[in-house]
N, C-alpha and C. Protein backbone atom coordinates (compact mmCIF):
# COMPACT_ATOMS: atom_id res chain seq x y z
N UNK A 1 105.61 73.35 118.32
CA UNK A 1 105.53 74.25 117.15
C UNK A 1 106.90 74.35 116.49
N UNK A 2 106.94 74.16 115.19
CA UNK A 2 108.20 74.22 114.46
C UNK A 2 108.63 75.67 114.29
N UNK A 3 109.90 75.85 113.89
CA UNK A 3 110.41 77.20 113.63
C UNK A 3 109.60 77.87 112.54
N UNK A 4 109.24 77.11 111.50
CA UNK A 4 108.44 77.68 110.41
C UNK A 4 107.08 78.13 110.91
N UNK A 5 106.46 77.35 111.78
CA UNK A 5 105.16 77.72 112.33
C UNK A 5 105.27 78.98 113.19
N UNK A 6 106.35 79.07 113.97
CA UNK A 6 106.55 80.26 114.81
C UNK A 6 106.73 81.51 113.96
N UNK A 7 107.51 81.37 112.88
CA UNK A 7 107.72 82.52 111.99
C UNK A 7 106.41 82.93 111.34
N UNK A 8 105.62 81.95 110.92
CA UNK A 8 104.33 82.25 110.31
C UNK A 8 103.42 82.98 111.29
N UNK A 9 103.38 82.49 112.53
CA UNK A 9 102.55 83.12 113.55
C UNK A 9 103.02 84.54 113.84
N UNK A 10 104.34 84.74 113.90
CA UNK A 10 104.89 86.07 114.16
C UNK A 10 104.52 87.04 113.06
N UNK A 11 104.66 86.62 111.80
CA UNK A 11 104.33 87.51 110.68
C UNK A 11 102.84 87.83 110.66
N UNK A 12 101.99 86.85 110.99
CA UNK A 12 100.56 87.11 111.03
C UNK A 12 100.22 88.15 112.09
N UNK A 13 100.87 88.04 113.26
CA UNK A 13 100.63 89.00 114.33
C UNK A 13 101.13 90.39 113.94
N UNK A 14 102.28 90.47 113.28
CA UNK A 14 102.80 91.76 112.84
C UNK A 14 101.90 92.39 111.79
N UNK A 15 101.33 91.56 110.91
CA UNK A 15 100.41 92.09 109.91
C UNK A 15 99.16 92.66 110.57
N UNK A 16 98.67 91.98 111.57
CA UNK A 16 97.47 92.48 112.25
C UNK A 16 97.75 93.80 112.98
N UNK A 17 98.94 93.91 113.55
CA UNK A 17 99.31 95.18 114.18
C UNK A 17 99.39 96.28 113.13
N UNK A 18 99.95 95.95 111.96
CA UNK A 18 100.04 96.92 110.88
C UNK A 18 98.65 97.38 110.46
N UNK A 19 97.71 96.44 110.36
CA UNK A 19 96.34 96.78 109.98
C UNK A 19 95.73 97.74 111.00
N UNK A 20 95.98 97.51 112.28
CA UNK A 20 95.47 98.42 113.30
C UNK A 20 96.09 99.81 113.16
N UNK A 21 97.36 99.87 112.82
CA UNK A 21 98.01 101.16 112.60
C UNK A 21 97.40 101.87 111.39
N UNK A 22 97.06 101.11 110.36
CA UNK A 22 96.42 101.71 109.18
C UNK A 22 95.05 102.26 109.54
N UNK A 23 94.34 101.51 110.37
CA UNK A 23 93.03 101.98 110.82
C UNK A 23 93.18 103.28 111.61
N UNK A 24 94.18 103.33 112.48
CA UNK A 24 94.42 104.54 113.26
C UNK A 24 94.83 105.72 112.38
N UNK A 25 95.44 105.42 111.22
CA UNK A 25 95.88 106.47 110.29
C UNK A 25 94.75 106.98 109.41
N UNK A 26 93.55 106.40 109.55
CA UNK A 26 92.41 106.90 108.81
C UNK A 26 91.93 106.03 107.67
N UNK A 27 92.47 104.82 107.56
CA UNK A 27 92.01 103.90 106.51
C UNK A 27 90.75 103.22 107.01
N UNK A 28 89.65 103.40 106.29
CA UNK A 28 88.36 102.86 106.72
C UNK A 28 87.80 101.82 105.77
N UNK A 29 88.35 101.71 104.58
CA UNK A 29 87.87 100.74 103.59
C UNK A 29 88.20 99.33 104.09
N UNK A 30 87.17 98.54 104.40
CA UNK A 30 87.39 97.22 104.98
C UNK A 30 88.07 96.27 104.00
N UNK A 31 87.79 96.42 102.71
CA UNK A 31 88.43 95.57 101.71
C UNK A 31 89.93 95.85 101.64
N UNK A 32 90.31 97.12 101.75
CA UNK A 32 91.73 97.49 101.75
C UNK A 32 92.42 96.93 102.98
N UNK A 33 91.79 97.07 104.14
CA UNK A 33 92.38 96.54 105.37
C UNK A 33 92.53 95.02 105.29
N UNK A 34 91.54 94.36 104.73
CA UNK A 34 91.60 92.90 104.58
C UNK A 34 92.75 92.50 103.66
N UNK A 35 92.96 93.27 102.59
CA UNK A 35 94.06 92.97 101.66
C UNK A 35 95.40 93.04 102.38
N UNK A 36 95.59 94.05 103.23
CA UNK A 36 96.84 94.17 103.97
C UNK A 36 97.02 93.03 104.97
N UNK A 37 95.92 92.51 105.47
CA UNK A 37 95.99 91.39 106.41
C UNK A 37 96.34 90.08 105.70
N UNK A 38 96.06 90.02 104.39
CA UNK A 38 96.25 88.78 103.65
C UNK A 38 97.59 88.70 102.93
N UNK A 39 98.12 89.82 102.48
CA UNK A 39 99.34 89.79 101.66
C UNK A 39 100.58 89.93 102.55
N UNK A 40 101.51 88.98 102.51
CA UNK A 40 102.70 89.01 103.37
C UNK A 40 103.75 90.00 102.87
N UNK A 41 103.80 91.18 103.47
CA UNK A 41 104.72 92.22 103.01
C UNK A 41 106.18 91.79 103.13
N UNK A 42 106.49 90.94 104.11
CA UNK A 42 107.89 90.57 104.32
C UNK A 42 108.47 89.80 103.14
N UNK A 43 107.62 89.22 102.30
CA UNK A 43 108.11 88.50 101.12
C UNK A 43 108.48 89.44 99.98
N UNK A 44 108.12 90.71 100.11
CA UNK A 44 108.35 91.67 99.03
C UNK A 44 109.46 92.66 99.33
N UNK A 45 110.15 92.49 100.45
CA UNK A 45 111.27 93.38 100.77
C UNK A 45 112.56 92.56 100.73
N UNK A 46 113.69 93.19 100.47
CA UNK A 46 114.96 92.46 100.50
C UNK A 46 115.16 91.78 101.85
N UNK A 47 115.81 90.64 101.84
CA UNK A 47 115.93 89.83 103.05
C UNK A 47 116.54 90.59 104.22
N UNK A 48 117.49 91.49 103.95
CA UNK A 48 118.16 92.20 105.04
C UNK A 48 117.22 93.19 105.75
N UNK A 49 116.06 93.48 105.15
CA UNK A 49 115.11 94.42 105.76
C UNK A 49 113.84 93.73 106.27
N UNK A 50 113.82 92.41 106.28
CA UNK A 50 112.58 91.72 106.63
C UNK A 50 112.15 91.96 108.07
N UNK A 51 113.08 92.21 108.95
CA UNK A 51 112.72 92.50 110.34
C UNK A 51 111.92 93.80 110.45
N UNK A 52 112.03 94.67 109.44
CA UNK A 52 111.31 95.95 109.44
C UNK A 52 110.15 95.96 108.46
N UNK A 53 109.79 94.79 107.94
CA UNK A 53 108.81 94.72 106.85
C UNK A 53 107.45 95.29 107.24
N UNK A 54 107.06 95.18 108.51
CA UNK A 54 105.73 95.62 108.91
C UNK A 54 105.73 96.95 109.66
N UNK A 55 106.87 97.62 109.65
CA UNK A 55 106.92 98.98 110.19
C UNK A 55 106.43 99.94 109.12
N UNK A 56 105.97 101.11 109.56
CA UNK A 56 105.43 102.08 108.60
C UNK A 56 106.55 102.94 108.04
N UNK A 57 107.35 102.33 107.19
CA UNK A 57 108.47 103.04 106.57
C UNK A 57 108.72 102.51 105.17
N UNK A 58 109.24 103.39 104.33
CA UNK A 58 109.67 102.97 102.99
C UNK A 58 111.01 102.26 103.11
N UNK A 59 111.21 101.24 102.29
CA UNK A 59 112.45 100.46 102.35
C UNK A 59 113.06 100.36 100.95
N UNK A 60 114.40 100.37 100.87
CA UNK A 60 115.05 100.33 99.55
C UNK A 60 114.93 98.96 98.89
N UNK A 61 114.77 99.00 97.55
CA UNK A 61 114.70 97.78 96.76
C UNK A 61 115.92 97.59 95.87
N UNK A 62 116.79 98.61 95.81
CA UNK A 62 117.86 98.62 94.83
C UNK A 62 117.40 99.32 93.57
N UNK A 63 118.34 99.60 92.65
CA UNK A 63 118.04 100.27 91.38
C UNK A 63 117.44 101.66 91.60
N UNK A 64 117.71 102.25 92.79
CA UNK A 64 117.17 103.57 93.07
C UNK A 64 115.69 103.58 93.39
N UNK A 65 115.10 102.41 93.66
CA UNK A 65 113.67 102.31 93.90
C UNK A 65 113.41 101.92 95.36
N UNK A 66 112.18 102.17 95.82
CA UNK A 66 111.78 101.82 97.18
C UNK A 66 110.40 101.17 97.17
N UNK A 67 110.11 100.44 98.26
CA UNK A 67 108.75 100.02 98.52
C UNK A 67 108.16 101.05 99.48
N UNK A 68 107.00 101.60 99.13
CA UNK A 68 106.42 102.69 99.91
C UNK A 68 105.98 102.24 101.29
N UNK A 69 105.74 103.22 102.16
CA UNK A 69 105.20 102.94 103.48
C UNK A 69 103.83 102.28 103.35
N UNK A 70 103.46 101.38 104.25
CA UNK A 70 102.12 100.80 104.21
C UNK A 70 101.01 101.86 104.22
N UNK A 71 101.18 102.93 105.00
CA UNK A 71 100.13 103.95 105.01
C UNK A 71 99.97 104.61 103.65
N UNK A 72 101.07 104.80 102.94
CA UNK A 72 100.98 105.38 101.60
C UNK A 72 100.23 104.45 100.67
N UNK A 73 100.59 103.17 100.68
CA UNK A 73 99.87 102.20 99.86
C UNK A 73 98.38 102.19 100.21
N UNK A 74 98.07 102.18 101.49
CA UNK A 74 96.68 102.05 101.92
C UNK A 74 95.84 103.25 101.53
N UNK A 75 96.37 104.45 101.74
CA UNK A 75 95.62 105.65 101.37
C UNK A 75 95.45 105.75 99.86
N UNK A 76 96.46 105.29 99.11
CA UNK A 76 96.39 105.22 97.66
C UNK A 76 95.24 104.31 97.24
N UNK A 77 95.23 103.11 97.80
CA UNK A 77 94.23 102.12 97.39
C UNK A 77 92.83 102.54 97.83
N UNK A 78 92.73 103.13 99.01
CA UNK A 78 91.43 103.60 99.46
C UNK A 78 90.88 104.68 98.54
N UNK A 79 91.76 105.52 98.04
CA UNK A 79 91.33 106.61 97.16
C UNK A 79 90.79 106.11 95.83
N UNK A 80 91.16 104.89 95.43
CA UNK A 80 90.66 104.34 94.17
C UNK A 80 89.21 103.90 94.26
N UNK A 81 88.72 103.59 95.45
CA UNK A 81 87.33 103.20 95.67
C UNK A 81 86.95 101.97 94.84
N UNK A 82 87.80 100.96 94.88
CA UNK A 82 87.56 99.75 94.10
C UNK A 82 86.43 98.93 94.71
N UNK A 83 85.66 98.27 93.83
CA UNK A 83 84.53 97.44 94.25
C UNK A 83 84.77 95.96 94.02
N UNK A 84 85.82 95.60 93.27
CA UNK A 84 86.14 94.19 93.09
C UNK A 84 86.02 93.67 91.68
N UNK A 85 85.39 94.41 90.79
CA UNK A 85 85.18 93.95 89.42
C UNK A 85 86.01 94.74 88.40
N UNK A 86 86.91 95.58 88.87
CA UNK A 86 87.61 96.51 87.99
C UNK A 86 88.80 95.87 87.26
N UNK A 87 89.14 96.50 86.15
CA UNK A 87 90.40 96.25 85.44
C UNK A 87 91.31 97.44 85.76
N UNK A 88 92.46 97.16 86.37
CA UNK A 88 93.33 98.21 86.91
C UNK A 88 94.68 98.19 86.20
N UNK A 89 95.20 99.36 85.90
CA UNK A 89 96.55 99.52 85.37
C UNK A 89 97.42 100.18 86.43
N UNK A 90 98.53 99.55 86.74
CA UNK A 90 99.50 100.09 87.70
C UNK A 90 100.78 100.47 86.96
N UNK A 91 101.22 101.70 87.15
CA UNK A 91 102.47 102.15 86.54
C UNK A 91 103.54 102.17 87.63
N UNK A 92 104.47 101.24 87.55
CA UNK A 92 105.52 101.11 88.55
C UNK A 92 105.27 99.91 89.45
N UNK A 93 105.63 98.73 88.98
CA UNK A 93 105.40 97.51 89.76
C UNK A 93 106.25 97.48 91.02
N UNK A 94 107.51 97.91 90.90
CA UNK A 94 108.41 97.90 92.04
C UNK A 94 108.59 96.50 92.59
N UNK A 95 108.37 96.35 93.89
CA UNK A 95 108.52 95.05 94.55
C UNK A 95 107.41 94.08 94.18
N UNK A 96 106.27 94.62 93.72
CA UNK A 96 105.10 93.79 93.45
C UNK A 96 104.12 93.75 94.61
N UNK A 97 104.46 94.38 95.74
CA UNK A 97 103.58 94.34 96.91
C UNK A 97 102.24 95.01 96.64
N UNK A 98 102.29 96.23 96.12
CA UNK A 98 101.04 96.91 95.81
C UNK A 98 100.27 96.15 94.73
N UNK A 99 100.99 95.55 93.80
CA UNK A 99 100.36 94.76 92.75
C UNK A 99 99.57 93.61 93.36
N UNK A 100 100.16 92.94 94.35
CA UNK A 100 99.47 91.84 95.03
C UNK A 100 98.26 92.35 95.81
N UNK A 101 98.39 93.50 96.45
CA UNK A 101 97.24 94.09 97.14
C UNK A 101 96.11 94.37 96.16
N UNK A 102 96.47 94.93 95.02
CA UNK A 102 95.48 95.21 93.98
C UNK A 102 94.80 93.92 93.50
N UNK A 103 95.58 92.84 93.43
CA UNK A 103 95.04 91.58 92.95
C UNK A 103 93.95 91.04 93.86
N UNK A 104 93.98 91.43 95.14
CA UNK A 104 92.92 91.02 96.07
C UNK A 104 91.72 91.96 96.01
N UNK A 105 91.90 93.14 95.40
CA UNK A 105 90.87 94.17 95.41
C UNK A 105 90.17 94.35 94.06
N UNK A 106 90.75 93.85 92.99
CA UNK A 106 90.22 94.07 91.65
C UNK A 106 90.18 92.75 90.88
N UNK A 107 89.44 92.75 89.79
CA UNK A 107 89.31 91.51 89.01
C UNK A 107 90.53 91.22 88.16
N UNK A 108 91.12 92.27 87.55
CA UNK A 108 92.30 92.12 86.71
C UNK A 108 93.28 93.26 87.00
N UNK A 109 94.56 92.91 87.06
CA UNK A 109 95.60 93.91 87.31
C UNK A 109 96.67 93.79 86.23
N UNK A 110 96.97 94.92 85.61
CA UNK A 110 98.03 95.01 84.61
C UNK A 110 99.06 96.00 85.15
N UNK A 111 100.32 95.58 85.19
CA UNK A 111 101.35 96.41 85.82
C UNK A 111 102.56 96.52 84.90
N UNK A 112 103.13 97.73 84.85
CA UNK A 112 104.28 98.02 84.00
C UNK A 112 105.44 98.51 84.86
N UNK A 113 106.62 97.94 84.64
CA UNK A 113 107.81 98.30 85.39
C UNK A 113 108.96 98.57 84.43
N UNK A 114 109.67 99.68 84.63
CA UNK A 114 110.79 100.03 83.76
C UNK A 114 112.04 99.21 84.05
N UNK A 115 112.22 98.79 85.30
CA UNK A 115 113.42 98.05 85.68
C UNK A 115 113.16 96.56 85.50
N UNK A 116 113.85 95.96 84.54
CA UNK A 116 113.58 94.56 84.19
C UNK A 116 113.78 93.62 85.37
N UNK A 117 114.84 93.83 86.14
CA UNK A 117 115.13 92.96 87.28
C UNK A 117 114.00 92.97 88.29
N UNK A 118 113.47 94.16 88.59
CA UNK A 118 112.36 94.26 89.53
C UNK A 118 111.11 93.58 89.00
N UNK A 119 110.85 93.74 87.70
CA UNK A 119 109.66 93.14 87.10
C UNK A 119 109.71 91.62 87.20
N UNK A 120 110.86 91.04 86.91
CA UNK A 120 111.01 89.58 86.96
C UNK A 120 110.82 89.07 88.39
N UNK A 121 111.43 89.75 89.35
CA UNK A 121 111.32 89.33 90.75
C UNK A 121 109.89 89.46 91.25
N UNK A 122 109.24 90.58 90.91
CA UNK A 122 107.86 90.79 91.34
C UNK A 122 106.93 89.73 90.76
N UNK A 123 107.12 89.41 89.49
CA UNK A 123 106.29 88.39 88.85
C UNK A 123 106.43 87.05 89.56
N UNK A 124 107.66 86.69 89.90
CA UNK A 124 107.91 85.42 90.59
C UNK A 124 107.23 85.39 91.95
N UNK A 125 107.33 86.47 92.72
CA UNK A 125 106.71 86.52 94.04
C UNK A 125 105.20 86.40 93.95
N UNK A 126 104.62 87.13 93.01
CA UNK A 126 103.15 87.13 92.88
C UNK A 126 102.65 85.76 92.44
N UNK A 127 103.33 85.13 91.52
CA UNK A 127 102.93 83.80 91.08
C UNK A 127 103.06 82.79 92.20
N UNK A 128 104.10 82.94 93.04
CA UNK A 128 104.30 81.99 94.14
C UNK A 128 103.19 82.08 95.17
N UNK A 129 102.50 83.22 95.24
CA UNK A 129 101.39 83.40 96.17
C UNK A 129 100.06 82.94 95.58
N UNK A 130 100.08 82.51 94.32
CA UNK A 130 98.89 81.92 93.73
C UNK A 130 97.97 82.89 93.01
N UNK A 131 98.39 84.15 92.82
CA UNK A 131 97.55 85.09 92.09
C UNK A 131 97.57 84.77 90.60
N UNK A 132 96.41 84.68 89.98
CA UNK A 132 96.33 84.39 88.55
C UNK A 132 95.59 85.47 87.78
N UNK A 133 95.45 86.64 88.39
CA UNK A 133 94.75 87.75 87.73
C UNK A 133 95.67 88.94 87.51
N UNK A 134 96.98 88.68 87.41
CA UNK A 134 97.98 89.76 87.27
C UNK A 134 98.83 89.52 86.03
N UNK A 135 99.05 90.58 85.27
CA UNK A 135 99.99 90.55 84.14
C UNK A 135 101.00 91.67 84.35
N UNK A 136 102.28 91.36 84.21
CA UNK A 136 103.35 92.34 84.40
C UNK A 136 104.21 92.36 83.15
N UNK A 137 104.57 93.53 82.70
CA UNK A 137 105.52 93.64 81.58
C UNK A 137 106.53 94.74 81.85
N UNK A 138 107.64 94.66 81.16
CA UNK A 138 108.70 95.67 81.25
C UNK A 138 108.46 96.72 80.17
N UNK A 139 108.54 97.98 80.53
CA UNK A 139 108.35 99.03 79.54
C UNK A 139 108.20 100.39 80.19
N UNK A 140 107.89 101.37 79.38
CA UNK A 140 107.69 102.75 79.81
C UNK A 140 106.21 102.95 80.10
N UNK A 141 105.87 103.09 81.37
CA UNK A 141 104.47 103.19 81.76
C UNK A 141 103.77 104.43 81.30
N UNK A 142 104.51 105.47 80.88
CA UNK A 142 103.83 106.69 80.42
C UNK A 142 103.01 106.45 79.17
N UNK A 143 103.28 105.33 78.47
CA UNK A 143 102.51 105.00 77.28
C UNK A 143 101.32 104.10 77.59
N UNK A 144 101.19 103.67 78.84
CA UNK A 144 100.09 102.80 79.22
C UNK A 144 100.22 101.41 78.60
N UNK A 145 99.07 100.73 78.52
CA UNK A 145 99.03 99.38 77.95
C UNK A 145 97.77 99.30 77.10
N UNK A 146 97.86 99.83 75.90
CA UNK A 146 96.70 100.06 75.05
C UNK A 146 95.90 98.79 74.74
N UNK A 147 96.60 97.65 74.65
CA UNK A 147 95.92 96.40 74.27
C UNK A 147 94.78 96.06 75.23
N UNK A 148 94.93 96.40 76.51
CA UNK A 148 93.92 96.01 77.51
C UNK A 148 93.07 97.18 77.99
N UNK A 149 93.22 98.33 77.38
CA UNK A 149 92.39 99.48 77.71
C UNK A 149 90.97 99.27 77.15
N UNK A 150 89.98 99.96 77.73
CA UNK A 150 90.11 100.97 78.79
C UNK A 150 90.17 100.34 80.18
N UNK A 151 90.74 101.11 81.10
CA UNK A 151 90.89 100.66 82.48
C UNK A 151 89.92 101.42 83.38
N UNK A 152 89.40 100.72 84.38
CA UNK A 152 88.51 101.36 85.35
C UNK A 152 89.29 102.23 86.32
N UNK A 153 90.54 101.88 86.55
CA UNK A 153 91.39 102.66 87.45
C UNK A 153 92.83 102.56 86.99
N UNK A 154 93.56 103.65 87.12
CA UNK A 154 94.98 103.69 86.81
C UNK A 154 95.68 104.36 87.98
N UNK A 155 96.76 103.75 88.47
CA UNK A 155 97.53 104.41 89.52
C UNK A 155 99.00 104.43 89.14
N UNK A 156 99.60 105.59 89.36
CA UNK A 156 101.01 105.82 89.02
C UNK A 156 101.78 105.97 90.32
N UNK A 157 102.84 105.20 90.48
CA UNK A 157 103.60 105.21 91.73
C UNK A 157 104.96 105.86 91.54
N UNK A 158 104.99 106.95 90.78
CA UNK A 158 106.20 107.74 90.60
C UNK A 158 105.79 109.16 90.27
N UNK A 159 106.62 110.12 90.66
CA UNK A 159 106.29 111.52 90.46
C UNK A 159 106.44 111.95 89.01
N UNK A 160 105.46 112.72 88.51
CA UNK A 160 105.48 113.19 87.13
C UNK A 160 105.30 114.71 87.10
N UNK A 161 105.81 115.32 86.04
CA UNK A 161 105.63 116.76 85.87
C UNK A 161 104.21 117.09 85.44
N UNK A 162 103.58 116.15 84.74
CA UNK A 162 102.20 116.33 84.27
C UNK A 162 101.60 114.95 84.02
N UNK A 163 100.30 114.92 83.78
CA UNK A 163 99.61 113.65 83.53
C UNK A 163 99.88 113.22 82.09
N UNK A 164 100.47 112.04 81.87
CA UNK A 164 100.69 111.57 80.50
C UNK A 164 99.36 111.38 79.77
N UNK A 165 99.24 111.96 78.59
CA UNK A 165 98.00 111.90 77.84
C UNK A 165 97.55 110.47 77.54
N UNK A 166 98.46 109.55 77.20
CA UNK A 166 98.01 108.18 76.93
C UNK A 166 97.27 107.54 78.10
N UNK A 167 97.63 107.90 79.31
CA UNK A 167 96.94 107.32 80.46
C UNK A 167 95.50 107.83 80.56
N UNK A 168 95.31 109.11 80.32
CA UNK A 168 93.94 109.65 80.30
C UNK A 168 93.12 109.01 79.18
N UNK A 169 93.75 108.84 78.03
CA UNK A 169 93.04 108.24 76.90
C UNK A 169 92.62 106.81 77.19
N UNK A 170 93.41 106.10 78.00
CA UNK A 170 93.14 104.68 78.28
C UNK A 170 92.27 104.48 79.53
N UNK A 171 91.82 105.58 80.14
CA UNK A 171 90.96 105.51 81.31
C UNK A 171 89.50 105.45 80.86
N UNK A 172 88.74 104.52 81.42
CA UNK A 172 87.34 104.38 81.10
C UNK A 172 86.54 105.60 81.59
N UNK A 173 85.48 105.96 80.89
CA UNK A 173 84.59 107.01 81.36
C UNK A 173 84.07 106.62 82.75
N UNK A 174 84.21 107.53 83.69
CA UNK A 174 83.84 107.25 85.07
C UNK A 174 84.97 106.66 85.90
N UNK A 175 86.12 106.39 85.26
CA UNK A 175 87.25 105.79 85.95
C UNK A 175 88.06 106.80 86.74
N UNK A 176 88.94 106.27 87.62
CA UNK A 176 89.78 107.09 88.47
C UNK A 176 91.26 106.91 88.09
N UNK A 177 91.98 108.02 88.06
CA UNK A 177 93.42 108.02 87.85
C UNK A 177 94.08 108.69 89.05
N UNK A 178 95.04 107.99 89.66
CA UNK A 178 95.83 108.56 90.76
C UNK A 178 97.25 108.77 90.28
N UNK A 179 97.78 109.97 90.47
CA UNK A 179 99.14 110.24 90.01
C UNK A 179 99.77 111.36 90.85
N UNK A 180 101.02 111.19 91.30
CA UNK A 180 101.73 112.26 92.00
C UNK A 180 102.28 113.26 90.98
N UNK A 181 101.99 114.52 91.17
CA UNK A 181 102.47 115.58 90.27
C UNK A 181 103.35 116.54 91.05
N UNK A 182 104.55 116.78 90.53
CA UNK A 182 105.44 117.72 91.18
C UNK A 182 106.88 117.49 90.81
N UNK A 183 107.75 118.38 91.28
CA UNK A 183 109.18 118.29 91.00
C UNK A 183 109.88 117.50 92.09
N UNK A 184 111.03 116.91 91.76
CA UNK A 184 111.83 116.23 92.75
C UNK A 184 111.10 115.05 93.36
N UNK A 185 111.26 114.87 94.67
CA UNK A 185 110.69 113.72 95.34
C UNK A 185 109.48 114.05 96.21
N UNK A 186 108.99 115.30 96.14
CA UNK A 186 107.80 115.68 96.90
C UNK A 186 106.74 116.14 95.91
N UNK A 187 105.59 115.48 95.93
CA UNK A 187 104.56 115.78 94.97
C UNK A 187 103.19 115.89 95.63
N UNK A 188 102.24 116.45 94.89
CA UNK A 188 100.85 116.44 95.29
C UNK A 188 100.16 115.27 94.60
N UNK A 189 99.38 114.52 95.36
CA UNK A 189 98.67 113.38 94.80
C UNK A 189 97.35 113.84 94.20
N UNK A 190 97.20 113.65 92.90
CA UNK A 190 96.00 114.05 92.18
C UNK A 190 95.11 112.83 91.92
N UNK A 191 93.81 113.02 92.16
CA UNK A 191 92.82 112.01 91.77
C UNK A 191 91.97 112.62 90.66
N UNK A 192 92.04 112.00 89.49
CA UNK A 192 91.32 112.49 88.32
C UNK A 192 90.16 111.54 88.03
N UNK A 193 88.97 112.09 87.90
CA UNK A 193 87.79 111.31 87.52
C UNK A 193 87.40 111.74 86.11
N UNK A 194 87.32 110.79 85.20
CA UNK A 194 87.04 111.09 83.80
C UNK A 194 85.53 111.08 83.54
N UNK A 195 84.99 112.22 83.11
CA UNK A 195 83.56 112.33 82.85
C UNK A 195 83.22 112.03 81.39
N UNK A 196 84.01 112.61 80.48
CA UNK A 196 83.85 112.36 79.04
C UNK A 196 85.25 112.24 78.46
N UNK A 197 85.35 112.05 77.16
CA UNK A 197 86.67 111.98 76.54
C UNK A 197 87.43 113.29 76.67
N UNK A 198 86.71 114.39 76.88
CA UNK A 198 87.36 115.71 76.94
C UNK A 198 87.22 116.40 78.29
N UNK A 199 86.45 115.82 79.22
CA UNK A 199 86.20 116.49 80.49
C UNK A 199 86.53 115.55 81.65
N UNK A 200 87.17 116.13 82.67
CA UNK A 200 87.49 115.35 83.86
C UNK A 200 87.59 116.29 85.05
N UNK A 201 87.50 115.71 86.23
CA UNK A 201 87.66 116.46 87.48
C UNK A 201 89.00 116.09 88.10
N UNK A 202 89.77 117.08 88.49
CA UNK A 202 91.11 116.86 89.04
C UNK A 202 91.12 117.40 90.47
N UNK A 203 91.35 116.52 91.43
CA UNK A 203 91.32 116.88 92.85
C UNK A 203 92.65 116.50 93.50
N UNK A 204 93.23 117.42 94.26
CA UNK A 204 94.43 117.13 95.03
C UNK A 204 93.99 116.56 96.38
N UNK A 205 94.49 115.36 96.71
CA UNK A 205 94.02 114.69 97.93
C UNK A 205 95.11 114.51 98.97
N UNK A 206 96.32 115.01 98.69
CA UNK A 206 97.37 114.90 99.69
C UNK A 206 98.75 115.10 99.11
N UNK A 207 99.75 115.04 99.99
CA UNK A 207 101.15 115.13 99.56
C UNK A 207 101.80 113.76 99.71
N UNK A 208 102.65 113.42 98.74
CA UNK A 208 103.35 112.14 98.76
C UNK A 208 104.79 112.36 98.33
N UNK A 209 105.60 111.32 98.51
CA UNK A 209 107.01 111.41 98.13
C UNK A 209 107.37 110.15 97.34
N UNK A 210 107.61 110.32 96.05
CA UNK A 210 107.97 109.20 95.18
C UNK A 210 109.19 109.56 94.34
N UNK A 211 109.87 108.52 93.87
CA UNK A 211 110.96 108.75 92.91
C UNK A 211 110.35 109.25 91.61
N UNK A 212 111.13 109.91 90.74
CA UNK A 212 110.60 110.43 89.48
C UNK A 212 110.12 109.33 88.55
N UNK A 213 109.10 109.66 87.75
CA UNK A 213 108.57 108.71 86.79
C UNK A 213 109.60 108.36 85.73
N UNK A 214 110.40 109.34 85.32
CA UNK A 214 111.46 109.10 84.33
C UNK A 214 112.81 109.07 85.02
N UNK A 215 113.56 108.03 84.81
CA UNK A 215 114.89 107.91 85.39
C UNK A 215 115.80 107.30 84.32
N UNK A 216 116.46 108.14 83.49
CA UNK A 216 117.15 107.63 82.31
C UNK A 216 118.31 106.70 82.56
N UNK A 217 118.89 106.69 83.75
CA UNK A 217 120.10 105.89 83.96
C UNK A 217 119.85 104.49 84.50
N UNK A 218 118.56 104.13 84.74
CA UNK A 218 118.30 102.80 85.28
C UNK A 218 118.16 101.79 84.16
N UNK A 219 118.26 100.51 84.56
CA UNK A 219 118.12 99.40 83.62
C UNK A 219 116.65 99.19 83.33
N UNK A 220 116.18 99.60 82.15
CA UNK A 220 114.76 99.46 81.85
C UNK A 220 114.60 98.73 80.51
N UNK A 221 113.39 98.24 80.31
CA UNK A 221 113.09 97.51 79.08
C UNK A 221 112.66 98.44 77.97
N UNK A 222 112.27 97.85 76.86
CA UNK A 222 111.87 98.61 75.69
C UNK A 222 110.59 99.40 75.97
N UNK A 223 110.52 100.59 75.46
CA UNK A 223 109.34 101.39 75.64
C UNK A 223 108.34 101.06 74.55
N UNK A 224 107.12 101.55 74.74
CA UNK A 224 106.11 101.31 73.72
C UNK A 224 105.02 100.38 74.23
N UNK A 225 104.01 100.17 73.39
CA UNK A 225 102.86 99.38 73.78
C UNK A 225 102.99 97.95 73.32
N UNK A 226 102.40 97.04 74.11
CA UNK A 226 102.38 95.63 73.75
C UNK A 226 101.01 95.06 73.99
């Protein structure tokens, strides 16, 4: 067995252990568990942290951003209740790991990242894995991506003071919106189900910890819709 084969085998075993940990943490959606078994998380973390890629911890990406814990990603994705045919909008591409997970769970994924460097790196990683159902752009995610709306599901991976109205407007009737609401780095995770253009159900499903949705000092691209 070559060194490359041994590394591949090791990462596969670590992914399977991670999946078992997710199951123990309460993740029951088989499609979500399968996605975690298929997507190599170690390719989405900085090289100096690859030995910890399959541990249940958030890891720094630079630019003041992090890749969330696997359990956070898994509970997020399970809460969306995806069936495989959805068009999904992700606000906050980050490393691209969650984007790749979404690409295995939905038909189309559109992702917006404020930090240009992260967006470029994430796009390269996702393309190298052969995903062809993902579009990533640099911009301010609070404005959504109107050209491809409406979306069956929208998930925001940064804390906000309130739900941005453009995201609600771009959510399909019957669609789900997940967003952390709160001050600082500790928020309540809200799941919003849109019933009509003016009516929706808002449910708090847990506590999460994310960086703020707005961070004026980081390197970000032009805001607005494309």
